[in-house]
Amino acid sequence: MRAIDLSQISWRKSSYSNTTGGDCLEVADNIPALIPVRDSKAPSQGALLFGLDAWAGFIGAVKQS
């Protein structure tokens, strides 16, 4: 697997994150075929990379709960 440089991508805070400093999830949706996700309170700890199908399944499951 090749390394993916995430240092120059644009992150946005999830609309489900709160404004008081808790539950801060950031996503970047400008990379073809991948959705990087990270904790905005600890960005240096890296990101999880989801394929498009896995991300769609995750979002679908969250919406159902």
PDB file of N, CA and C in Angstrom:
ATOM      1  N   MET A   1       0.843  -1.172   0.000  1.00  0.00           N
ATOM      2  CA  MET A   1       0.000   0.000   0.000  1.00  0.00           C
ATOM      3  C   MET A   1       0.892   1.240   0.000  1.00  0.00           C
ATOM      4  N   ARG A   2       0.540   2.212  -0.805  1.00  0.00           N
ATOM      5  CA  ARG A   2       1.344   3.422  -0.878  1.00  0.00           C
ATOM      6  C   ARG A   2       0.911   4.420   0.185  1.00  0.00           C
ATOM      7  N   ALA A   3       1.843   5.259   0.604  1.00  0.00           N
ATOM      8  CA  ALA A   3       1.543   6.306   1.577  1.00  0.00           C
ATOM      9  C   ALA A   3       0.751   7.415   0.903  1.00  0.00           C
ATOM     10  N   ILE A   4      -0.161   8.000   1.637  1.00  0.00           N
ATOM     11  CA  ILE A   4      -0.980   9.096   1.127  1.00  0.00           C
ATOM     12  C   ILE A   4      -0.654  10.339   1.934  1.00  0.00           C
ATOM     13  N   ASP A   5      -0.258  11.395   1.242  1.00  0.00           N
ATOM     14  CA  ASP A   5       0.093  12.656   1.889  1.00  0.00           C
ATOM     15  C   ASP A   5      -1.179  13.441   2.191  1.00  0.00           C
ATOM     16  N   LEU A   6      -1.477  13.608   3.464  1.00  0.00           N
ATOM     17  CA  LEU A   6      -2.670  14.340   3.881  1.00  0.00           C
ATOM     18  C   LEU A   6      -2.332  15.736   4.397  1.00  0.00           C
ATOM     19  N   SER A   7      -1.085  16.159   4.250  1.00  0.00           N
ATOM     20  CA  SER A   7      -0.660  17.430   4.836  1.00  0.00           C
ATOM     21  C   SER A   7      -1.244  18.658   4.158  1.00  0.00           C
ATOM     22  N   GLN A   8      -1.674  18.542   2.916  1.00  0.00           N
ATOM     23  CA  GLN A   8      -2.174  19.708   2.187  1.00  0.00           C
ATOM     24  C   GLN A   8      -3.680  19.673   1.903  1.00  0.00           C
ATOM     25  N   ILE A   9      -4.395  18.723   2.486  1.00  0.00           N
ATOM     26  CA  ILE A   9      -5.825  18.631   2.184  1.00  0.00           C
ATOM     27  C   ILE A   9      -6.628  19.587   3.067  1.00  0.00           C
ATOM     28  N   SER A  10      -7.823  19.881   2.653  1.00  0.00           N
ATOM     29  CA  SER A  10      -8.716  20.758   3.408  1.00  0.00           C
ATOM     30  C   SER A  10      -9.642  19.917   4.273  1.00  0.00           C
ATOM     31  N   TRP A  11      -9.585  20.159   5.557  1.00  0.00           N
ATOM     32  CA  TRP A  11     -10.436  19.457   6.510  1.00  0.00           C
ATOM     33  C   TRP A  11     -11.640  20.318   6.836  1.00  0.00           C
ATOM     34  N   ARG A  12     -12.761  19.674   7.115  1.00  0.00           N
ATOM     35  CA  ARG A  12     -13.934  20.403   7.590  1.00  0.00           C
ATOM     36  C   ARG A  12     -14.517  19.649   8.775  1.00  0.00           C
ATOM     37  N   LYS A  13     -15.031  20.403   9.713  1.00  0.00           N
ATOM     38  CA  LYS A  13     -15.608  19.809  10.910  1.00  0.00           C
ATOM     39  C   LYS A  13     -16.972  19.216  10.587  1.00  0.00           C
ATOM     40  N   SER A  14     -17.236  18.065  11.100  1.00  0.00           N
ATOM     41  CA  SER A  14     -18.520  17.411  10.890  1.00  0.00           C
ATOM     42  C   SER A  14     -19.647  18.254  11.468  1.00  0.00           C
ATOM     43  N   SER A  15     -20.770  18.260  10.793  1.00  0.00           N
ATOM     44  CA  SER A  15     -21.933  18.985  11.300  1.00  0.00           C
ATOM     45  C   SER A  15     -22.480  18.340  12.577  1.00  0.00           C
ATOM     46  N   TYR A  16     -22.058  17.120  12.870  1.00  0.00           N
ATOM     47  CA  TYR A  16     -22.495  16.444  14.083  1.00  0.00           C
ATOM     48  C   TYR A  16     -21.597  16.758  15.289  1.00  0.00           C
ATOM     49  N   SER A  17     -20.488  17.447  15.075  1.00  0.00           N
ATOM     50  CA  SER A  17     -19.616  17.824  16.184  1.00  0.00           C
ATOM     51  C   SER A  17     -20.253  18.981  16.945  1.00  0.00           C
ATOM     52  N   ASN A  18     -19.986  19.046  18.229  1.00  0.00           N
ATOM     53  CA  ASN A  18     -20.579  20.144  18.988  1.00  0.00           C
ATOM     54  C   ASN A  18     -19.631  21.336  19.038  1.00  0.00           C
ATOM     55  N   THR A  19     -20.099  22.457  19.518  1.00  0.00           N
ATOM     56  CA  THR A  19     -19.316  23.703  19.524  1.00  0.00           C
ATOM     57  C   THR A  19     -18.607  23.960  20.842  1.00  0.00           C
ATOM     58  N   THR A  20     -18.668  23.037  21.786  1.00  0.00           N
ATOM     59  CA  THR A  20     -18.068  23.262  23.096  1.00  0.00           C
ATOM     60  C   THR A  20     -16.754  22.507  23.290  1.00  0.00           C
ATOM     61  N   GLY A  21     -16.174  22.028  22.226  1.00  0.00           N
ATOM     62  CA  GLY A  21     -14.877  21.372  22.331  1.00  0.00           C
ATOM     63  C   GLY A  21     -14.919  19.862  22.436  1.00  0.00           C
ATOM     64  N   GLY A  22     -16.078  19.283  22.449  1.00  0.00           N
ATOM     65  CA  GLY A  22     -16.175  17.828  22.504  1.00  0.00           C
ATOM     66  C   GLY A  22     -16.531  17.250  21.153  1.00  0.00           C
ATOM     67  N   ASP A  23     -16.435  15.956  21.022  1.00  0.00           N
ATOM     68  CA  ASP A  23     -16.870  15.240  19.817  1.00  0.00           C
ATOM     69  C   ASP A  23     -16.500  15.949  18.520  1.00  0.00           C
ATOM     70  N   CYS A  24     -15.242  16.241  18.317  1.00  0.00           N
ATOM     71  CA  CYS A  24     -14.811  16.996  17.136  1.00  0.00           C
ATOM     72  C   CYS A  24     -14.251  16.061  16.065  1.00  0.00           C
ATOM     73  N   LEU A  25     -15.059  15.766  15.117  1.00  0.00           N
ATOM     74  CA  LEU A  25     -14.675  14.913  14.006  1.00  0.00           C
ATOM     75  C   LEU A  25     -14.491  15.772  12.766  1.00  0.00           C
ATOM     76  N   GLU A  26     -13.374  15.574  12.071  1.00  0.00           N
ATOM     77  CA  GLU A  26     -13.120  16.295  10.828  1.00  0.00           C
ATOM     78  C   GLU A  26     -13.022  15.302   9.682  1.00  0.00           C
ATOM     79  N   VAL A  27     -13.523  15.702   8.534  1.00  0.00           N
ATOM     80  CA  VAL A  27     -13.441  14.881   7.335  1.00  0.00           C
ATOM     81  C   VAL A  27     -12.883  15.724   6.195  1.00  0.00           C
ATOM     82  N   ALA A  28     -12.316  15.047   5.226  1.00  0.00           N
ATOM     83  CA  ALA A  28     -11.846  15.703   4.001  1.00  0.00           C
ATOM     84  C   ALA A  28     -12.467  14.928   2.843  1.00  0.00           C
ATOM     85  N   ASP A  29     -13.208  15.630   2.014  1.00  0.00           N
ATOM     86  CA  ASP A  29     -13.889  14.931   0.927  1.00  0.00           C
ATOM     87  C   ASP A  29     -13.399  15.372  -0.442  1.00  0.00           C
ATOM     88  N   ASN A  30     -12.130  15.776  -0.493  1.00  0.00           N
ATOM     89  CA  ASN A  30     -11.574  16.232  -1.767  1.00  0.00           C
ATOM     90  C   ASN A  30     -10.478  15.309  -2.306  1.00  0.00           C
ATOM     91  N   ILE A  31     -10.486  14.046  -1.866  1.00  0.00           N
ATOM     92  CA  ILE A  31      -9.541  13.056  -2.378  1.00  0.00           C
ATOM     93  C   ILE A  31     -10.355  11.984  -3.110  1.00  0.00           C
ATOM     94  N   PRO A  32     -10.083  11.754  -4.375  1.00  0.00           N
ATOM     95  CA  PRO A  32     -10.857  10.750  -5.120  1.00  0.00           C
ATOM     96  C   PRO A  32     -10.746   9.362  -4.478  1.00  0.00           C
ATOM     97  N   ALA A  33     -11.877   8.734  -4.277  1.00  0.00           N
ATOM     98  CA  ALA A  33     -11.995   7.349  -3.812  1.00  0.00           C
ATOM     99  C   ALA A  33     -11.667   7.132  -2.337  1.00  0.00           C
ATOM    100  N   LEU A  34     -11.335   8.180  -1.580  1.00  0.00           N
ATOM    101  CA  LEU A  34     -11.036   8.031  -0.156  1.00  0.00           C
ATOM    102  C   LEU A  34     -11.684   9.147   0.648  1.00  0.00           C
ATOM    103  N   ILE A  35     -12.085   8.807   1.866  1.00  0.00           N
ATOM    104  CA  ILE A  35     -12.585   9.800   2.809  1.00  0.00           C
ATOM    105  C   ILE A  35     -11.716   9.705   4.067  1.00  0.00           C
ATOM    106  N   PRO A  36     -10.788  10.664   4.266  1.00  0.00           N
ATOM    107  CA  PRO A  36     -10.017  10.687   5.504  1.00  0.00           C
ATOM    108  C   PRO A  36     -10.853  11.278   6.641  1.00  0.00           C
ATOM    109  N   VAL A  37     -10.707  10.717   7.833  1.00  0.00           N
ATOM    110  CA  VAL A  37     -11.425  11.165   9.022  1.00  0.00           C
ATOM    111  C   VAL A  37     -10.413  11.260  10.155  1.00  0.00           C
ATOM    112  N   ARG A  38     -10.486  12.348  10.921  1.00  0.00           N
ATOM    113  CA  ARG A  38      -9.553  12.488  12.050  1.00  0.00           C
ATOM    114  C   ARG A  38     -10.232  13.191  13.225  1.00  0.00           C
ATOM    115  N   ASP A  39      -9.594  13.119  14.366  1.00  0.00           N
ATOM    116  CA  ASP A  39     -10.029  13.812  15.577  1.00  0.00           C
ATOM    117  C   ASP A  39      -9.406  15.201  15.547  1.00  0.00           C
ATOM    118  N   SER A  40     -10.219  16.244  15.521  1.00  0.00           N
ATOM    119  CA  SER A  40      -9.675  17.600  15.414  1.00  0.00           C
ATOM    120  C   SER A  40      -8.889  18.012  16.655  1.00  0.00           C
ATOM    121  N   LYS A  41      -9.123  17.347  17.777  1.00  0.00           N
ATOM    122  CA  LYS A  41      -8.380  17.661  18.991  1.00  0.00           C
ATOM    123  C   LYS A  41      -6.994  17.019  18.989  1.00  0.00           C
ATOM    124  N   ALA A  42      -6.759  16.069  18.089  1.00  0.00           N
ATOM    125  CA  ALA A  42      -5.476  15.367  18.030  1.00  0.00           C
ATOM    126  C   ALA A  42      -5.096  15.080  16.572  1.00  0.00           C
ATOM    127  N   PRO A  43      -4.984  16.108  15.727  1.00  0.00           N
ATOM    128  CA  PRO A  43      -4.726  15.867  14.305  1.00  0.00           C
ATOM    129  C   PRO A  43      -3.384  15.198  14.016  1.00  0.00           C
ATOM    130  N   SER A  44      -2.422  15.356  14.896  1.00  0.00           N
ATOM    131  CA  SER A  44      -1.110  14.747  14.656  1.00  0.00           C
ATOM    132  C   SER A  44      -1.131  13.231  14.848  1.00  0.00           C
ATOM    133  N   GLN A  45      -2.201  12.697  15.396  1.00  0.00           N
ATOM    134  CA  GLN A  45      -2.296  11.254  15.604  1.00  0.00           C
ATOM    135  C   GLN A  45      -2.764  10.510  14.365  1.00  0.00           C
ATOM    136  N   GLY A  46      -2.954  11.224  13.266  1.00  0.00           N
ATOM    137  CA  GLY A  46      -3.278  10.567  12.011  1.00  0.00           C
ATOM    138  C   GLY A  46      -4.762  10.550  11.710  1.00  0.00           C
ATOM    139  N   ALA A  47      -5.093   9.865  10.645  1.00  0.00           N
ATOM    140  CA  ALA A  47      -6.474   9.801  10.173  1.00  0.00           C
ATOM    141  C   ALA A  47      -6.820   8.375   9.778  1.00  0.00           C
ATOM    142  N   LEU A  48      -8.084   8.071   9.839  1.00  0.00           N
ATOM    143  CA  LEU A  48      -8.596   6.819   9.292  1.00  0.00           C
ATOM    144  C   LEU A  48      -9.002   7.092   7.852  1.00  0.00           C
ATOM    145  N   LEU A  49      -8.727   6.163   6.966  1.00  0.00           N
ATOM    146  CA  LEU A  49      -9.090   6.317   5.559  1.00  0.00           C
ATOM    147  C   LEU A  49     -10.181   5.318   5.224  1.00  0.00           C
ATOM    148  N   PHE A  50     -11.309   5.819   4.744  1.00  0.00           N
ATOM    149  CA  PHE A  50     -12.435   4.997   4.346  1.00  0.00           C
ATOM    150  C   PHE A  50     -12.556   4.997   2.832  1.00  0.00           C
ATOM    151  N   GLY A  51     -12.828   3.842   2.244  1.00  0.00           N
ATOM    152  CA  GLY A  51     -13.219   3.791   0.845  1.00  0.00           C
ATOM    153  C   GLY A  51     -14.630   4.353   0.727  1.00  0.00           C
ATOM    154  N   LEU A  52     -15.036   4.714  -0.483  1.00  0.00           N
ATOM    155  CA  LEU A  52     -16.347   5.338  -0.667  1.00  0.00           C
ATOM    156  C   LEU A  52     -17.494   4.438  -0.226  1.00  0.00           C
ATOM    157  N   ASP A  53     -17.435   3.145  -0.545  1.00  0.00           N
ATOM    158  CA  ASP A  53     -18.501   2.226  -0.142  1.00  0.00           C
ATOM    159  C   ASP A  53     -18.560   2.064   1.378  1.00  0.00           C
ATOM    160  N   ALA A  54     -17.402   1.959   2.011  1.00  0.00           N
ATOM    161  CA  ALA A  54     -17.358   1.826   3.468  1.00  0.00           C
ATOM    162  C   ALA A  54     -17.889   3.092   4.138  1.00  0.00           C
ATOM    163  N   TRP A  55     -17.534   4.256   3.602  1.00  0.00           N
ATOM    164  CA  TRP A  55     -18.006   5.525   4.157  1.00  0.00           C
ATOM    165  C   TRP A  55     -19.524   5.642   4.012  1.00  0.00           C
ATOM    166  N   ALA A  56     -20.042   5.284   2.847  1.00  0.00           N
ATOM    167  CA  ALA A  56     -21.486   5.349   2.631  1.00  0.00           C
ATOM    168  C   ALA A  56     -22.209   4.411   3.598  1.00  0.00           C
ATOM    169  N   GLY A  57     -21.656   3.229   3.840  1.00  0.00           N
ATOM    170  CA  GLY A  57     -22.245   2.300   4.804  1.00  0.00           C
ATOM    171  C   GLY A  57     -22.217   2.848   6.205  1.00  0.00           C
ATOM    172  N   PHE A  58     -21.105   3.477   6.581  1.00  0.00           N
ATOM    173  CA  PHE A  58     -20.978   4.076   7.906  1.00  0.00           C
ATOM    174  C   PHE A  58     -21.999   5.192   8.103  1.00  0.00           C
ATOM    175  N   ILE A  59     -22.098   6.093   7.138  1.00  0.00           N
ATOM    176  CA  ILE A  59     -23.045   7.201   7.224  1.00  0.00           C
ATOM    177  C   ILE A  59     -24.480   6.677   7.274  1.00  0.00           C
ATOM    178  N   GLY A  60     -24.777   5.671   6.469  1.00  0.00           N
ATOM    179  CA  GLY A  60     -26.110   5.079   6.506  1.00  0.00           C
ATOM    180  C   GLY A  60     -26.457   4.503   7.870  1.00  0.00           C
ATOM    181  N   ALA A  61     -25.487   3.828   8.497  1.00  0.00           N
ATOM    182  CA  ALA A  61     -25.711   3.253   9.817  1.00  0.00           C
ATOM    183  C   ALA A  61     -25.893   4.349  10.879  1.00  0.00           C
ATOM    184  N   VAL A  62     -25.125   5.421  10.778  1.00  0.00           N
ATOM    185  CA  VAL A  62     -25.264   6.537  11.734  1.00  0.00           C
ATOM    186  C   VAL A  62     -26.638   7.182  11.599  1.00  0.00           C
ATOM    187  N   LYS A  63     -27.093   7.362  10.386  1.00  0.00           N
ATOM    188  CA  LYS A  63     -28.400   7.995  10.171  1.00  0.00           C
ATOM    189  C   LYS A  63     -29.540   7.138  10.711  1.00  0.00           C
ATOM    190  N   GLN A  64     -29.372   5.819  10.716  1.00  0.00           N
ATOM    191  CA  GLN A  64     -30.416   4.924  11.207  1.00  0.00           C
ATOM    192  C   GLN A  64     -30.458   4.849  12.730  1.00  0.00           C
ATOM    193  N   SER A  65     -29.370   5.242  13.389  1.00  0.00           N
ATOM    194  CA  SER A  65     -29.337   5.109  14.856  1.00  0.00           C
ATOM    195  C   SER A  65     -29.903   6.308  15.568  1.00  0.00           C
TER     196      SER A  65
END
